[in-house]
Each structure stands twice: as structure tokens, then as C-alpha cells.
Amino acid sequence: MPRWLFAAVATLVVGMASPALAQDPHVGTWKENLAKSKSTPAPTTPAPKSVTWKYEVADGNGLKLTIDTVGADGKLTTTTPYTAHVDGKDYPYLGSTAVDAIMLKRVDASSWE
């Protein structure tokens, strides 16, 4: 088999084997635009200096969210609320007193709930 054909087939096989989430538009690092963000009801604490959301592929068909917040006092806090599979089942949601589980379900190629 010619080297170029082997490379093409290997690339195709690896691409097919990689999880669908790897190409999900949500996966990546997102910096929140606090100037355009609104909170209802209005927060009772000072607004943070910055918030960064990082979505990563986890365990093949899973999604991990890590939130880095720099508070008004300049101190960094990091929370990892969840790692969950996109399979419609409940998974523990850490770091919240209001939420105890999260469920992720694929809606279409570019969105999930």
C-alpha cells in the first residue's frame, strides 16, 4: 500500500473513532463578556472581574465544565460543577447547593440541552 494511501486511511479511521463531542462547537474556552451579561434578579454581591467557562471532552462521550472566576477582590476561584455523558441520564453536579444533578441530551449537530 502506498504511504500516502495508508496515511489517508489512518486519518479517516482516527477521525471516525474520535468522539462526536470533539467537534462540538461548545467544546472550548469561553470568556464571559461581563459588560453584556445580565442577571435576574440583580446579584447581591459585587460583580466578578472575569469569568471563563471551559468545556472539554471527558471519558469519550462526556462533557466536563470548569468555571474560573476572578472575583471583585481579584482572587481566583475554580469550580468544576460537572462531568456528564451526553446520554440523557443524571450525573452529579458538584459545587452547588441549589442543583444536585445534570442531564445532557443531544438536540442536533450543533446543540444540546
PDB file of N, CA and C in Angstrom:
ATOM      1  N   MET A   1       0.856  -1.177   0.000  1.00  0.00           N
ATOM      2  CA  MET A   1       0.000   0.000   0.000  1.00  0.00           C
ATOM      3  C   MET A   1       0.900   1.237   0.000  1.00  0.00           C
ATOM      4  N   PRO A   2       0.645   2.197  -0.890  1.00  0.00           N
ATOM      5  CA  PRO A   2       1.439   3.422  -0.926  1.00  0.00           C
ATOM      6  C   PRO A   2       1.318   4.189   0.401  1.00  0.00           C
ATOM      7  N   ARG A   3       2.399   4.854   0.765  1.00  0.00           N
ATOM      8  CA  ARG A   3       2.447   5.583   2.036  1.00  0.00           C
ATOM      9  C   ARG A   3       1.325   6.624   2.134  1.00  0.00           C
ATOM     10  N   TRP A   4       1.037   7.355   1.057  1.00  0.00           N
ATOM     11  CA  TRP A   4       0.006   8.385   1.114  1.00  0.00           C
ATOM     12  C   TRP A   4      -1.378   7.786   1.346  1.00  0.00           C
ATOM     13  N   LEU A   5      -1.632   6.590   0.756  1.00  0.00           N
ATOM     14  CA  LEU A   5      -2.917   5.934   0.934  1.00  0.00           C
ATOM     15  C   LEU A   5      -3.072   5.443   2.378  1.00  0.00           C
ATOM     16  N   PHE A   6      -1.985   4.887   2.937  1.00  0.00           N
ATOM     17  CA  PHE A   6      -2.018   4.447   4.329  1.00  0.00           C
ATOM     18  C   PHE A   6      -2.307   5.630   5.257  1.00  0.00           C
ATOM     19  N   ALA A   7      -1.654   6.766   5.010  1.00  0.00           N
ATOM     20  CA  ALA A   7      -1.873   7.960   5.836  1.00  0.00           C
ATOM     21  C   ALA A   7      -3.317   8.441   5.718  1.00  0.00           C
ATOM     22  N   ALA A   8      -3.884   8.407   4.526  1.00  0.00           N
ATOM     23  CA  ALA A   8      -5.264   8.851   4.325  1.00  0.00           C
ATOM     24  C   ALA A   8      -6.245   7.934   5.047  1.00  0.00           C
ATOM     25  N   VAL A   9      -6.027   6.619   4.940  1.00  0.00           N
ATOM     26  CA  VAL A   9      -6.906   5.662   5.608  1.00  0.00           C
ATOM     27  C   VAL A   9      -6.773   5.792   7.117  1.00  0.00           C
ATOM     28  N   ALA A  10      -5.543   5.918   7.633  1.00  0.00           N
ATOM     29  CA  ALA A  10      -5.325   6.067   9.071  1.00  0.00           C
ATOM     30  C   ALA A  10      -6.000   7.331   9.594  1.00  0.00           C
ATOM     31  N   THR A  11      -5.912   8.412   8.850  1.00  0.00           N
ATOM     32  CA  THR A  11      -6.557   9.663   9.257  1.00  0.00           C
ATOM     33  C   THR A  11      -8.067   9.500   9.286  1.00  0.00           C
ATOM     34  N   LEU A  12      -8.636   8.836   8.296  1.00  0.00           N
ATOM     35  CA  LEU A  12     -10.077   8.609   8.239  1.00  0.00           C
ATOM     36  C   LEU A  12     -10.540   7.754   9.416  1.00  0.00           C
ATOM     37  N   VAL A  13      -9.811   6.676   9.712  1.00  0.00           N
ATOM     38  CA  VAL A  13     -10.194   5.782  10.809  1.00  0.00           C
ATOM     39  C   VAL A  13     -10.110   6.516  12.143  1.00  0.00           C
ATOM     40  N   VAL A  14      -9.057   7.255  12.369  1.00  0.00           N
ATOM     41  CA  VAL A  14      -8.917   8.005  13.619  1.00  0.00           C
ATOM     42  C   VAL A  14     -10.016   9.044  13.726  1.00  0.00           C
ATOM     43  N   GLY A  15     -10.336   9.715  12.628  1.00  0.00           N
ATOM     44  CA  GLY A  15     -11.397  10.713  12.633  1.00  0.00           C
ATOM     45  C   GLY A  15     -12.748  10.107  12.950  1.00  0.00           C
ATOM     46  N   MET A  16     -13.024   8.911  12.427  1.00  0.00           N
ATOM     47  CA  MET A  16     -14.303   8.262  12.703  1.00  0.00           C
ATOM     48  C   MET A  16     -14.355   7.753  14.137  1.00  0.00           C
ATOM     49  N   ALA A  17     -13.213   7.382  14.703  1.00  0.00           N
ATOM     50  CA  ALA A  17     -13.192   6.832  16.051  1.00  0.00           C
ATOM     51  C   ALA A  17     -13.264   7.915  17.121  1.00  0.00           C
ATOM     52  N   SER A  18     -12.903   9.137  16.772  1.00  0.00           N
ATOM     53  CA  SER A  18     -12.939  10.197  17.780  1.00  0.00           C
ATOM     54  C   SER A  18     -14.378  10.528  18.131  1.00  0.00           C
ATOM     55  N   PRO A  19     -14.623  10.939  19.387  1.00  0.00           N
ATOM     56  CA  PRO A  19     -15.993  11.201  19.815  1.00  0.00           C
ATOM     57  C   PRO A  19     -16.623  12.375  19.083  1.00  0.00           C
ATOM     58  N   ALA A  20     -17.942  12.315  18.952  1.00  0.00           N
ATOM     59  CA  ALA A  20     -18.675  13.384  18.274  1.00  0.00           C
ATOM     60  C   ALA A  20     -18.500  14.707  18.988  1.00  0.00           C
ATOM     61  N   LEU A  21     -18.317  14.678  20.302  1.00  0.00           N
ATOM     62  CA  LEU A  21     -18.154  15.920  21.059  1.00  0.00           C
ATOM     63  C   LEU A  21     -16.862  16.662  20.705  1.00  0.00           C
ATOM     64  N   ALA A  22     -15.876  15.947  20.207  1.00  0.00           N
ATOM     65  CA  ALA A  22     -14.603  16.597  19.899  1.00  0.00           C
ATOM     66  C   ALA A  22     -14.780  17.714  18.877  1.00  0.00           C
ATOM     67  N   GLN A  23     -15.801  17.616  18.030  1.00  0.00           N
ATOM     68  CA  GLN A  23     -16.048  18.638  17.030  1.00  0.00           C
ATOM     69  C   GLN A  23     -17.252  19.499  17.387  1.00  0.00           C
ATOM     70  N   ASP A  24     -17.762  19.346  18.595  1.00  0.00           N
ATOM     71  CA  ASP A  24     -18.910  20.114  19.052  1.00  0.00           C
ATOM     72  C   ASP A  24     -18.512  21.583  19.184  1.00  0.00           C
ATOM     73  N   PRO A  25     -19.331  22.499  18.694  1.00  0.00           N
ATOM     74  CA  PRO A  25     -18.983  23.923  18.791  1.00  0.00           C
ATOM     75  C   PRO A  25     -18.954  24.443  20.226  1.00  0.00           C
ATOM     76  N   HIS A  26     -19.511  23.696  21.176  1.00  0.00           N
ATOM     77  CA  HIS A  26     -19.487  24.127  22.568  1.00  0.00           C
ATOM     78  C   HIS A  26     -18.141  23.857  23.227  1.00  0.00           C
ATOM     79  N   VAL A  27     -17.406  22.849  22.737  1.00  0.00           N
ATOM     80  CA  VAL A  27     -16.127  22.477  23.332  1.00  0.00           C
ATOM     81  C   VAL A  27     -15.115  23.576  23.057  1.00  0.00           C
ATOM     82  N   GLY A  28     -14.507  24.050  24.129  1.00  0.00           N
ATOM     83  CA  GLY A  28     -13.525  25.125  24.011  1.00  0.00           C
ATOM     84  C   GLY A  28     -13.552  25.996  25.245  1.00  0.00           C
ATOM     85  N   THR A  29     -12.843  27.076  25.187  1.00  0.00           N
ATOM     86  CA  THR A  29     -12.765  28.012  26.306  1.00  0.00           C
ATOM     87  C   THR A  29     -13.463  29.300  25.916  1.00  0.00           C
ATOM     88  N   TRP A  30     -14.348  29.750  26.779  1.00  0.00           N
ATOM     89  CA  TRP A  30     -15.178  30.916  26.509  1.00  0.00           C
ATOM     90  C   TRP A  30     -15.027  31.920  27.636  1.00  0.00           C
ATOM     91  N   LYS A  31     -14.712  33.151  27.307  1.00  0.00           N
ATOM     92  CA  LYS A  31     -14.617  34.210  28.305  1.00  0.00           C
ATOM     93  C   LYS A  31     -15.919  35.007  28.270  1.00  0.00           C
ATOM     94  N   GLU A  32     -16.567  35.088  29.419  1.00  0.00           N
ATOM     95  CA  GLU A  32     -17.845  35.785  29.510  1.00  0.00           C
ATOM     96  C   GLU A  32     -17.642  37.290  29.355  1.00  0.00           C
ATOM     97  N   ASN A  33     -18.484  37.911  28.542  1.00  0.00           N
ATOM     98  CA  ASN A  33     -18.456  39.359  28.369  1.00  0.00           C
ATOM     99  C   ASN A  33     -19.345  39.950  29.461  1.00  0.00           C
ATOM    100  N   LEU A  34     -18.726  40.343  30.569  1.00  0.00           N
ATOM    101  CA  LEU A  34     -19.481  40.825  31.720  1.00  0.00           C
ATOM    102  C   LEU A  34     -20.214  42.129  31.439  1.00  0.00           C
ATOM    103  N   ALA A  35     -19.717  42.929  30.513  1.00  0.00           N
ATOM    104  CA  ALA A  35     -20.382  44.188  30.176  1.00  0.00           C
ATOM    105  C   ALA A  35     -21.747  43.931  29.522  1.00  0.00           C
ATOM    106  N   LYS A  36     -21.888  42.783  28.835  1.00  0.00           N
ATOM    107  CA  LYS A  36     -23.148  42.466  28.164  1.00  0.00           C
ATOM    108  C   LYS A  36     -23.987  41.446  28.935  1.00  0.00           C
ATOM    109  N   SER A  37     -23.451  40.940  30.046  1.00  0.00           N
ATOM    110  CA  SER A  37     -24.166  39.934  30.830  1.00  0.00           C
ATOM    111  C   SER A  37     -25.170  40.592  31.763  1.00  0.00           C
ATOM    112  N   LYS A  38     -26.319  39.930  31.909  1.00  0.00           N
ATOM    113  CA  LYS A  38     -27.354  40.426  32.811  1.00  0.00           C
ATOM    114  C   LYS A  38     -27.758  39.294  33.740  1.00  0.00           C
ATOM    115  N   SER A  39     -28.119  39.650  34.954  1.00  0.00           N
ATOM    116  CA  SER A  39     -28.535  38.667  35.936  1.00  0.00           C
ATOM    117  C   SER A  39     -29.868  39.089  36.528  1.00  0.00           C
ATOM    118  N   THR A  40     -30.827  38.165  36.531  1.00  0.00           N
ATOM    119  CA  THR A  40     -32.134  38.464  37.093  1.00  0.00           C
ATOM    120  C   THR A  40     -32.452  37.406  38.142  1.00  0.00           C
ATOM    121  N   PRO A  41     -32.688  37.776  39.386  1.00  0.00           N
ATOM    122  CA  PRO A  41     -32.656  39.145  39.907  1.00  0.00           C
ATOM    123  C   PRO A  41     -31.221  39.653  39.989  1.00  0.00           C
ATOM    124  N   ALA A  42     -31.087  40.940  40.204  1.00  0.00           N
ATOM    125  CA  ALA A  42     -29.755  41.548  40.286  1.00  0.00           C
ATOM    126  C   ALA A  42     -28.964  40.900  41.421  1.00  0.00           C
ATOM    127  N   PRO A  43     -27.661  40.633  41.190  1.00  0.00           N
ATOM    128  CA  PRO A  43     -26.855  39.991  42.226  1.00  0.00           C
ATOM    129  C   PRO A  43     -26.705  40.886  43.462  1.00  0.00           C
ATOM    130  N   THR A  44     -26.583  40.232  44.609  1.00  0.00           N
ATOM    131  CA  THR A  44     -26.404  40.979  45.856  1.00  0.00           C
ATOM    132  C   THR A  44     -24.935  41.123  46.224  1.00  0.00           C
ATOM    133  N   THR A  45     -24.060  40.504  45.451  1.00  0.00           N
ATOM    134  CA  THR A  45     -22.614  40.603  45.679  1.00  0.00           C
ATOM    135  C   THR A  45     -21.987  41.368  44.519  1.00  0.00           C
ATOM    136  N   PRO A  46     -20.787  41.926  44.729  1.00  0.00           N
ATOM    137  CA  PRO A  46     -20.123  42.652  43.630  1.00  0.00           C
ATOM    138  C   PRO A  46     -19.865  41.736  42.433  1.00  0.00           C
ATOM    139  N   ALA A  47     -19.971  42.290  41.249  1.00  0.00           N
ATOM    140  CA  ALA A  47     -19.740  41.523  40.020  1.00  0.00           C
ATOM    141  C   ALA A  47     -18.287  41.055  39.974  1.00  0.00           C
ATOM    142  N   PRO A  48     -18.045  39.861  39.430  1.00  0.00           N
ATOM    143  CA  PRO A  48     -16.664  39.387  39.295  1.00  0.00           C
ATOM    144  C   PRO A  48     -15.907  40.216  38.266  1.00  0.00           C
ATOM    145  N   LYS A  49     -14.573  40.119  38.347  1.00  0.00           N
ATOM    146  CA  LYS A  49     -13.736  40.802  37.340  1.00  0.00           C
ATOM    147  C   LYS A  49     -13.759  40.036  36.027  1.00  0.00           C
ATOM    148  N   SER A  50     -13.784  38.705  36.110  1.00  0.00           N
ATOM    149  CA  SER A  50     -13.857  37.895  34.890  1.00  0.00           C
ATOM    150  C   SER A  50     -14.390  36.504  35.212  1.00  0.00           C
ATOM    151  N   VAL A  51     -14.986  35.881  34.177  1.00  0.00           N
ATOM    152  CA  VAL A  51     -15.473  34.508  34.283  1.00  0.00           C
ATOM    153  C   VAL A  51     -15.095  33.797  32.988  1.00  0.00           C
ATOM    154  N   THR A  52     -14.427  32.644  33.115  1.00  0.00           N
ATOM    155  CA  THR A  52     -14.033  31.850  31.962  1.00  0.00           C
ATOM    156  C   THR A  52     -14.648  30.467  32.092  1.00  0.00           C
ATOM    157  N   TRP A  53     -15.350  30.038  31.054  1.00  0.00           N
ATOM    158  CA  TRP A  53     -16.003  28.735  31.002  1.00  0.00           C
ATOM    159  C   TRP A  53     -15.179  27.838  30.087  1.00  0.00           C
ATOM    160  N   LYS A  54     -14.813  26.653  30.561  1.00  0.00           N
ATOM    161  CA  LYS A  54     -14.031  25.729  29.743  1.00  0.00           C
ATOM    162  C   LYS A  54     -14.777  24.398  29.636  1.00  0.00           C
ATOM    163  N   TYR A  55     -15.210  24.074  28.409  1.00  0.00           N
ATOM    164  CA  TYR A  55     -15.874  22.810  28.133  1.00  0.00           C
ATOM    165  C   TYR A  55     -14.858  21.882  27.482  1.00  0.00           C
ATOM    166  N   GLU A  56     -14.746  20.652  28.012  1.00  0.00           N
ATOM    167  CA  GLU A  56     -13.795  19.672  27.492  1.00  0.00           C
ATOM    168  C   GLU A  56     -14.499  18.343  27.273  1.00  0.00           C
ATOM    169  N   VAL A  57     -13.982  17.563  26.314  1.00  0.00           N
ATOM    170  CA  VAL A  57     -14.458  16.203  26.122  1.00  0.00           C
ATOM    171  C   VAL A  57     -13.895  15.372  27.266  1.00  0.00           C
ATOM    172  N   ALA A  58     -14.745  14.554  27.890  1.00  0.00           N
ATOM    173  CA  ALA A  58     -14.323  13.708  29.007  1.00  0.00           C
ATOM    174  C   ALA A  58     -14.862  12.299  28.826  1.00  0.00           C
ATOM    175  N   ASP A  59     -14.041  11.326  29.059  1.00  0.00           N
ATOM    176  CA  ASP A  59     -14.461   9.918  29.021  1.00  0.00           C
ATOM    177  C   ASP A  59     -15.162   9.541  27.715  1.00  0.00           C
ATOM    178  N   GLY A  60     -14.662  10.004  26.587  1.00  0.00           N
ATOM    179  CA  GLY A  60     -15.217   9.619  25.296  1.00  0.00           C
ATOM    180  C   GLY A  60     -16.460  10.376  24.889  1.00  0.00           C
ATOM    181  N   ASN A  61     -17.590  10.124  25.551  1.00  0.00           N
ATOM    182  CA  ASN A  61     -18.852  10.768  25.193  1.00  0.00           C
ATOM    183  C   ASN A  61     -19.309  11.712  26.295  1.00  0.00           C
ATOM    184  N   GLY A  62     -18.374  12.173  27.108  1.00  0.00           N
ATOM    185  CA  GLY A  62     -18.732  13.053  28.215  1.00  0.00           C
ATOM    186  C   GLY A  62     -18.316  14.483  27.973  1.00  0.00           C
ATOM    187  N   LEU A  63     -18.849  15.344  28.795  1.00  0.00           N
ATOM    188  CA  LEU A  63     -18.532  16.762  28.732  1.00  0.00           C
ATOM    189  C   LEU A  63     -18.200  17.228  30.138  1.00  0.00           C
ATOM    190  N   LYS A  64     -17.084  17.922  30.282  1.00  0.00           N
ATOM    191  CA  LYS A  64     -16.654  18.446  31.577  1.00  0.00           C
ATOM    192  C   LYS A  64     -16.666  19.963  31.495  1.00  0.00           C
ATOM    193  N   LEU A  65     -17.234  20.594  32.499  1.00  0.00           N
ATOM    194  CA  LEU A  65     -17.257  22.050  32.565  1.00  0.00           C
ATOM    195  C   LEU A  65     -16.442  22.507  33.762  1.00  0.00           C
ATOM    196  N   THR A  66     -15.519  23.421  33.538  1.00  0.00           N
ATOM    197  CA  THR A  66     -14.761  24.062  34.598  1.00  0.00           C
ATOM    198  C   THR A  66     -14.973  25.560  34.456  1.00  0.00           C
ATOM    199  N   ILE A  67     -15.309  26.217  35.564  1.00  0.00           N
ATOM    200  CA  ILE A  67     -15.536  27.658  35.547  1.00  0.00           C
ATOM    201  C   ILE A  67     -14.474  28.326  36.411  1.00  0.00           C
ATOM    202  N   ASP A  68     -13.710  29.241  35.818  1.00  0.00           N
ATOM    203  CA  ASP A  68     -12.724  30.041  36.553  1.00  0.00           C
ATOM    204  C   ASP A  68     -13.295  31.436  36.716  1.00  0.00           C
ATOM    205  N   THR A  69     -13.428  31.868  37.950  1.00  0.00           N
ATOM    206  CA  THR A  69     -13.966  33.191  38.251  1.00  0.00           C
ATOM    207  C   THR A  69     -12.925  33.998  39.004  1.00  0.00           C
ATOM    208  N   VAL A  70     -12.665  35.208  38.551  1.00  0.00           N
ATOM    209  CA  VAL A  70     -11.836  36.146  39.301  1.00  0.00           C
ATOM    210  C   VAL A  70     -12.819  37.124  39.930  1.00  0.00           C
ATOM    211  N   GLY A  71     -12.896  37.050  41.258  1.00  0.00           N
ATOM    212  CA  GLY A  71     -13.845  37.869  41.982  1.00  0.00           C
ATOM    213  C   GLY A  71     -13.500  39.340  41.966  1.00  0.00           C
ATOM    214  N   ALA A  72     -14.410  40.150  42.482  1.00  0.00           N
ATOM    215  CA  ALA A  72     -14.196  41.596  42.554  1.00  0.00           C
ATOM    216  C   ALA A  72     -12.953  41.915  43.366  1.00  0.00           C
ATOM    217  N   ASP A  73     -12.575  41.005  44.295  1.00  0.00           N
ATOM    218  CA  ASP A  73     -11.387  41.207  45.134  1.00  0.00           C
ATOM    219  C   ASP A  73     -10.101  40.768  44.441  1.00  0.00           C
ATOM    220  N   GLY A  74     -10.202  40.225  43.203  1.00  0.00           N
ATOM    221  CA  GLY A  74      -9.033  39.807  42.444  1.00  0.00           C
ATOM    222  C   GLY A  74      -8.580  38.385  42.718  1.00  0.00           C
ATOM    223  N   LYS A  75      -9.293  37.657  43.567  1.00  0.00           N
ATOM    224  CA  LYS A  75      -8.921  36.279  43.888  1.00  0.00           C
ATOM    225  C   LYS A  75      -9.578  35.309  42.916  1.00  0.00           C
ATOM    226  N   LEU A  76      -8.794  34.325  42.467  1.00  0.00           N
ATOM    227  CA  LEU A  76      -9.275  33.316  41.521  1.00  0.00           C
ATOM    228  C   LEU A  76      -9.941  32.175  42.277  1.00  0.00           C
ATOM    229  N   THR A  77     -11.114  31.804  41.826  1.00  0.00           N
ATOM    230  CA  THR A  77     -11.765  30.596  42.331  1.00  0.00           C
ATOM    231  C   THR A  77     -12.079  29.719  41.136  1.00  0.00           C
ATOM    232  N   THR A  78     -11.883  28.433  41.271  1.00  0.00           N
ATOM    233  CA  THR A  78     -12.163  27.490  40.196  1.00  0.00           C
ATOM    234  C   THR A  78     -13.192  26.490  40.687  1.00  0.00           C
ATOM    235  N   THR A  79     -14.201  26.265  39.895  1.00  0.00           N
ATOM    236  CA  THR A  79     -15.187  25.250  40.221  1.00  0.00           C
ATOM    237  C   THR A  79     -15.346  24.310  39.040  1.00  0.00           C
ATOM    238  N   THR A  80     -15.595  23.061  39.329  1.00  0.00           N
ATOM    239  CA  THR A  80     -15.898  22.079  38.300  1.00  0.00           C
ATOM    240  C   THR A  80     -17.262  21.504  38.622  1.00  0.00           C
ATOM    241  N   PRO A  81     -18.324  22.153  38.157  1.00  0.00           N
ATOM    242  CA  PRO A  81     -19.659  21.695  38.522  1.00  0.00           C
ATOM    243  C   PRO A  81     -20.010  20.303  38.029  1.00  0.00           C
ATOM    244  N   TYR A  82     -19.537  19.896  36.839  1.00  0.00           N
ATOM    245  CA  TYR A  82     -19.939  18.561  36.393  1.00  0.00           C
ATOM    246  C   TYR A  82     -19.032  17.974  35.330  1.00  0.00           C
ATOM    247  N   THR A  83     -19.080  16.656  35.297  1.00  0.00           N
ATOM    248  CA  THR A  83     -18.633  15.856  34.163  1.00  0.00           C
ATOM    249  C   THR A  83     -19.792  14.909  33.904  1.00  0.00           C
ATOM    250  N   ALA A  84     -20.352  14.966  32.699  1.00  0.00           N
ATOM    251  CA  ALA A  84     -21.530  14.155  32.390  1.00  0.00           C
ATOM    252  C   ALA A  84     -21.441  13.644  30.962  1.00  0.00           C
ATOM    253  N   HIS A  85     -22.072  12.502  30.733  1.00  0.00           N
ATOM    254  CA  HIS A  85     -22.176  11.965  29.379  1.00  0.00           C
ATOM    255  C   HIS A  85     -23.423  12.545  28.711  1.00  0.00           C
ATOM    256  N   VAL A  86     -23.364  12.664  27.395  1.00  0.00           N
ATOM    257  CA  VAL A  86     -24.498  13.191  26.626  1.00  0.00           C
ATOM    258  C   VAL A  86     -25.382  12.001  26.264  1.00  0.00           C
ATOM    259  N   ASP A  87     -26.075  11.484  27.294  1.00  0.00           N
ATOM    260  CA  ASP A  87     -26.887  10.285  27.100  1.00  0.00           C
ATOM    261  C   ASP A  87     -28.260  10.356  27.759  1.00  0.00           C
ATOM    262  N   GLY A  88     -28.644  11.531  28.246  1.00  0.00           N
ATOM    263  CA  GLY A  88     -29.955  11.693  28.844  1.00  0.00           C
ATOM    264  C   GLY A  88     -30.083  11.169  30.264  1.00  0.00           C
ATOM    265  N   LYS A  89     -28.968  10.761  30.897  1.00  0.00           N
ATOM    266  CA  LYS A  89     -29.008  10.260  32.270  1.00  0.00           C
ATOM    267  C   LYS A  89     -28.506  11.335  33.235  1.00  0.00           C
ATOM    268  N   ASP A  90     -28.929  11.235  34.495  1.00  0.00           N
ATOM    269  CA  ASP A  90     -28.491  12.188  35.521  1.00  0.00           C
ATOM    270  C   ASP A  90     -27.074  11.884  35.991  1.00  0.00           C
ATOM    271  N   TYR A  91     -26.283  12.961  36.190  1.00  0.00           N
ATOM    272  CA  TYR A  91     -24.924  12.874  36.730  1.00  0.00           C
ATOM    273  C   TYR A  91     -24.789  13.911  37.840  1.00  0.00           C
ATOM    274  N   PRO A  92     -23.961  13.621  38.857  1.00  0.00           N
ATOM    275  CA  PRO A  92     -23.803  14.559  39.973  1.00  0.00           C
ATOM    276  C   PRO A  92     -23.300  15.923  39.504  1.00  0.00           C
ATOM    277  N   TYR A  93     -23.855  16.952  40.095  1.00  0.00           N
ATOM    278  CA  TYR A  93     -23.461  18.335  39.820  1.00  0.00           C
ATOM    279  C   TYR A  93     -22.797  18.853  41.090  1.00  0.00           C
ATOM    280  N   LEU A  94     -21.508  19.082  41.028  1.00  0.00           N
ATOM    281  CA  LEU A  94     -20.750  19.476  42.213  1.00  0.00           C
ATOM    282  C   LEU A  94     -20.637  20.990  42.325  1.00  0.00           C
ATOM    283  N   GLY A  95     -20.453  21.478  43.541  1.00  0.00           N
ATOM    284  CA  GLY A  95     -20.195  22.890  43.747  1.00  0.00           C
ATOM    285  C   GLY A  95     -21.424  23.772  43.787  1.00  0.00           C
ATOM    286  N   SER A  96     -22.599  23.191  43.961  1.00  0.00           N
ATOM    287  CA  SER A  96     -23.817  23.983  44.020  1.00  0.00           C
ATOM    288  C   SER A  96     -24.703  23.462  45.141  1.00  0.00           C
ATOM    289  N   THR A  97     -25.292  24.382  45.873  1.00  0.00           N
ATOM    290  CA  THR A  97     -26.254  23.977  46.895  1.00  0.00           C
ATOM    291  C   THR A  97     -27.673  23.949  46.319  1.00  0.00           C
ATOM    292  N   ALA A  98     -27.856  24.503  45.130  1.00  0.00           N
ATOM    293  CA  ALA A  98     -29.186  24.574  44.517  1.00  0.00           C
ATOM    294  C   ALA A  98     -29.457  23.441  43.535  1.00  0.00           C
ATOM    295  N   VAL A  99     -28.411  22.819  42.992  1.00  0.00           N
ATOM    296  CA  VAL A  99     -28.548  21.788  41.969  1.00  0.00           C
ATOM    297  C   VAL A  99     -27.764  20.560  42.409  1.00  0.00           C
ATOM    298  N   ASP A 100     -28.348  19.364  42.269  1.00  0.00           N
ATOM    299  CA  ASP A 100     -27.612  18.166  42.666  1.00  0.00           C
ATOM    300  C   ASP A 100     -27.292  17.222  41.510  1.00  0.00           C
ATOM    301  N   ALA A 101     -27.916  17.431  40.331  1.00  0.00           N
ATOM    302  CA  ALA A 101     -27.639  16.568  39.186  1.00  0.00           C
ATOM    303  C   ALA A 101     -27.843  17.344  37.894  1.00  0.00           C
ATOM    304  N   ILE A 102     -27.218  16.822  36.826  1.00  0.00           N
ATOM    305  CA  ILE A 102     -27.370  17.427  35.496  1.00  0.00           C
ATOM    306  C   ILE A 102     -27.577  16.303  34.487  1.00  0.00           C
ATOM    307  N   MET A 103     -28.366  16.590  33.453  1.00  0.00           N
ATOM    308  CA  MET A 103     -28.622  15.644  32.389  1.00  0.00           C
ATOM    309  C   MET A 103     -28.335  16.366  31.067  1.00  0.00           C
ATOM    310  N   LEU A 104     -27.532  15.744  30.217  1.00  0.00           N
ATOM    311  CA  LEU A 104     -27.228  16.317  28.904  1.00  0.00           C
ATOM    312  C   LEU A 104     -27.824  15.421  27.822  1.00  0.00           C
ATOM    313  N   LYS A 105     -28.452  16.072  26.837  1.00  0.00           N
ATOM    314  CA  LYS A 105     -29.068  15.331  25.732  1.00  0.00           C
ATOM    315  C   LYS A 105     -28.784  16.078  24.439  1.00  0.00           C
ATOM    316  N   ARG A 106     -28.383  15.368  23.410  1.00  0.00           N
ATOM    317  CA  ARG A 106     -28.103  15.944  22.088  1.00  0.00           C
ATOM    318  C   ARG A 106     -29.419  16.329  21.429  1.00  0.00           C
ATOM    319  N   VAL A 107     -29.501  17.576  20.962  1.00  0.00           N
ATOM    320  CA  VAL A 107     -30.684  18.061  20.257  1.00  0.00           C
ATOM    321  C   VAL A 107     -30.456  17.938  18.748  1.00  0.00           C
ATOM    322  N   ASP A 108     -29.324  18.454  18.285  1.00  0.00           N
ATOM    323  CA  ASP A 108     -28.921  18.324  16.886  1.00  0.00           C
ATOM    324  C   ASP A 108     -27.412  18.449  16.819  1.00  0.00           C
ATOM    325  N   ALA A 109     -26.868  18.562  15.614  1.00  0.00           N
ATOM    326  CA  ALA A 109     -25.415  18.555  15.440  1.00  0.00           C
ATOM    327  C   ALA A 109     -24.706  19.710  16.150  1.00  0.00           C
ATOM    328  N   SER A 110     -25.407  20.814  16.385  1.00  0.00           N
ATOM    329  CA  SER A 110     -24.730  21.960  16.997  1.00  0.00           C
ATOM    330  C   SER A 110     -25.339  22.391  18.324  1.00  0.00           C
ATOM    331  N   SER A 111     -26.239  21.589  18.891  1.00  0.00           N
ATOM    332  CA  SER A 111     -26.808  21.986  20.176  1.00  0.00           C
ATOM    333  C   SER A 111     -27.186  20.783  21.023  1.00  0.00           C
ATOM    334  N   TRP A 112     -27.226  21.014  22.317  1.00  0.00           N
ATOM    335  CA  TRP A 112     -27.654  20.008  23.279  1.00  0.00           C
ATOM    336  C   TRP A 112     -28.338  20.704  24.424  1.00  0.00           C
ATOM    337  N   GLU A 113     -29.083  19.945  25.211  1.00  0.00           N
ATOM    338  CA  GLU A 113     -29.754  20.535  26.375  1.00  0.00           C
ATOM    339  C   GLU A 113     -29.408  19.735  27.611  1.00  0.00           C
TER     340      GLU A 113
END
